[in-house]
């Protein structure tokens, strides 16, 4: 049973940085891809970034490119989202999610749709405000 737990959220000022963590357990980390999604009040959930644990390949949404970086620590089965130059519009609940990706034909385009991720963490709130 896949389990994901996010941490690291909080209240920060515009221009600040935060690092979110997603601790994974209950599944073979190397065969999965972990994605970060966010949902702002009154808005639909959107993809932020994802990383394929097998080879470290990454996907970043256009809205966060150059500011957010996803990485992983295979030994700790943990994925991180380093968020720099935070803006008020980054305020949202951030979720990590997992999908099995060890099959022929899989590629990073599968990161874009949240429906491809069957396992989800409870989320961590990020508020960017002065």
Protein backbone atom coordinates (compact mmCIF):
# COMPACT_ATOMS: atom_id res chain seq x y z
CA UNK A 1 0.00 0.00 0.00
CA UNK A 2 1.56 3.24 -1.16
CA UNK A 3 1.92 5.88 1.53
CA UNK A 4 3.03 9.45 0.99
CA UNK A 5 3.49 12.16 3.59
CA UNK A 6 4.30 15.77 2.79
CA UNK A 7 6.04 18.22 5.10
CA UNK A 8 7.71 21.61 5.00
CA UNK A 9 4.82 23.93 4.28
CA UNK A 10 4.24 27.18 6.10
CA UNK A 11 3.70 30.92 5.93
CA UNK A 12 6.42 32.90 4.20
CA UNK A 13 6.89 36.34 2.68
CA UNK A 14 7.10 36.96 -1.06
CA UNK A 15 10.58 36.29 -2.38
CA UNK A 16 11.30 33.66 0.25
CA UNK A 17 12.17 30.00 -0.19
CA UNK A 18 10.72 26.76 1.14
CA UNK A 19 11.62 23.14 0.68
CA UNK A 20 8.85 20.60 0.73
CA UNK A 21 9.49 16.93 1.41
CA UNK A 22 7.51 13.89 0.36
CA UNK A 23 8.36 10.72 2.29
CA UNK A 24 7.29 7.58 0.45
CA UNK A 25 6.78 4.07 1.79
CA UNK A 26 5.02 0.83 0.97
CA UNK A 27 6.16 0.52 -2.63
CA UNK A 28 9.39 0.04 -4.63
CA UNK A 29 10.51 3.65 -4.90
CA UNK A 30 12.73 3.04 -7.93
CA UNK A 31 9.81 1.89 -10.10
CA UNK A 32 7.65 4.91 -9.44
CA UNK A 33 7.40 8.51 -10.48
CA UNK A 34 6.57 11.11 -7.86
CA UNK A 35 4.73 14.27 -8.76
CA UNK A 36 3.99 17.50 -6.95
CA UNK A 37 0.62 19.14 -7.50
CA UNK A 38 -1.01 22.16 -5.94
CA UNK A 39 -4.52 23.44 -5.47
CA UNK A 40 -5.24 27.05 -4.68
CA UNK A 41 -8.56 28.15 -3.17
CA UNK A 42 -11.27 28.10 -5.79
CA UNK A 43 -8.99 26.66 -8.45
CA UNK A 44 -8.40 23.27 -9.99
CA UNK A 45 -5.48 21.12 -8.97
CA UNK A 46 -2.48 21.68 -11.22
CA UNK A 47 0.75 19.83 -11.89
CA UNK A 48 3.89 21.50 -10.58
CA UNK A 49 6.74 19.06 -11.16
CA UNK A 50 7.55 15.40 -11.18
CA UNK A 51 10.55 13.13 -11.12
CA UNK A 52 11.05 9.63 -12.44
CA UNK A 53 12.89 7.78 -9.72
CA UNK A 54 14.39 5.25 -12.14
CA UNK A 55 16.57 7.75 -13.96
CA UNK A 56 15.95 11.11 -12.33
CA UNK A 57 14.22 12.60 -15.34
CA UNK A 58 12.13 15.62 -14.41
CA UNK A 59 9.16 17.59 -15.60
CA UNK A 60 8.39 21.17 -14.53
CA UNK A 61 5.26 23.16 -15.23
CA UNK A 62 5.79 26.40 -17.10
CA UNK A 63 4.52 28.52 -14.22
CA UNK A 64 7.34 27.41 -11.90
CA UNK A 65 10.24 26.87 -14.28
CA UNK A 66 13.36 28.58 -13.05
CA UNK A 67 11.96 28.91 -9.52
CA UNK A 68 11.05 25.39 -8.38
CA UNK A 69 13.34 22.36 -8.50
CA UNK A 70 12.37 18.77 -7.85
CA UNK A 71 14.90 16.24 -6.62
CA UNK A 72 15.01 12.88 -4.90
CA UNK A 73 17.00 10.94 -2.33
CA UNK A 74 16.65 7.30 -3.29
CA UNK A 75 18.24 6.06 -0.06
CA UNK A 76 15.59 7.91 1.95
CA UNK A 77 12.71 7.28 -0.47
CA UNK A 78 12.04 10.99 -0.34
CA UNK A 79 11.32 13.58 -3.00
CA UNK A 80 11.88 17.28 -2.46
CA UNK A 81 10.46 20.41 -4.00
CA UNK A 82 12.75 23.40 -3.56
CA UNK A 83 10.71 26.55 -4.07
CA UNK A 84 12.53 29.84 -4.53
CA UNK A 85 11.34 33.38 -5.25
CA UNK A 86 7.91 32.54 -3.92
CA UNK A 87 4.99 34.66 -5.05
CA UNK A 88 1.53 35.16 -3.53
CA UNK A 89 0.09 33.19 -6.44
CA UNK A 90 2.07 30.15 -5.24
CA UNK A 91 -0.25 29.99 -2.23
CA UNK A 92 -1.92 26.60 -2.27
CA UNK A 93 -2.07 23.19 -0.70
CA UNK A 94 0.75 21.14 -2.15
CA UNK A 95 0.33 17.42 -2.65
CA UNK A 96 2.73 14.72 -3.67
CA UNK A 97 1.50 11.72 -5.60
CA UNK A 98 2.93 8.50 -6.99
CA UNK A 99 2.43 6.50 -10.15
CA UNK A 100 3.99 3.26 -11.29
CA UNK A 101 6.24 4.08 -14.23
CA UNK A 102 8.29 0.94 -14.88
CA UNK A 103 6.61 -0.04 -18.14
CA UNK A 104 7.42 0.28 -21.83
CA UNK A 105 6.09 3.44 -23.36
CA UNK A 106 6.00 5.47 -20.17
CA UNK A 107 7.34 8.99 -20.45
CA UNK A 108 7.21 12.24 -18.55
CA UNK A 109 4.08 13.42 -20.32
CA UNK A 110 2.24 11.12 -17.91
CA UNK A 111 3.12 13.64 -15.21
CA UNK A 112 0.79 16.28 -16.53
CA UNK A 113 -2.49 14.61 -15.63
CA UNK A 114 -3.32 14.05 -11.97
CA UNK A 115 -5.58 11.16 -12.98
CA UNK A 116 -2.43 9.15 -13.75
CA UNK A 117 -1.47 9.24 -10.05
CA UNK A 118 -3.46 6.78 -7.92
CA UNK A 119 -1.66 7.41 -4.63
CA UNK A 120 -1.73 10.76 -2.83
CA UNK A 121 -0.50 12.34 0.35
CA UNK A 122 -2.72 14.48 2.59
CA UNK A 123 -1.05 17.73 1.49
CA UNK A 124 0.87 20.56 3.11
CA UNK A 125 -0.24 24.19 3.06
CA UNK A 126 1.97 26.92 1.64
CA UNK A 127 0.97 30.54 2.17
CA UNK A 128 2.93 33.36 0.60
CA UNK A 129 1.92 36.70 2.03
CA UNK A 130 3.42 39.89 3.37
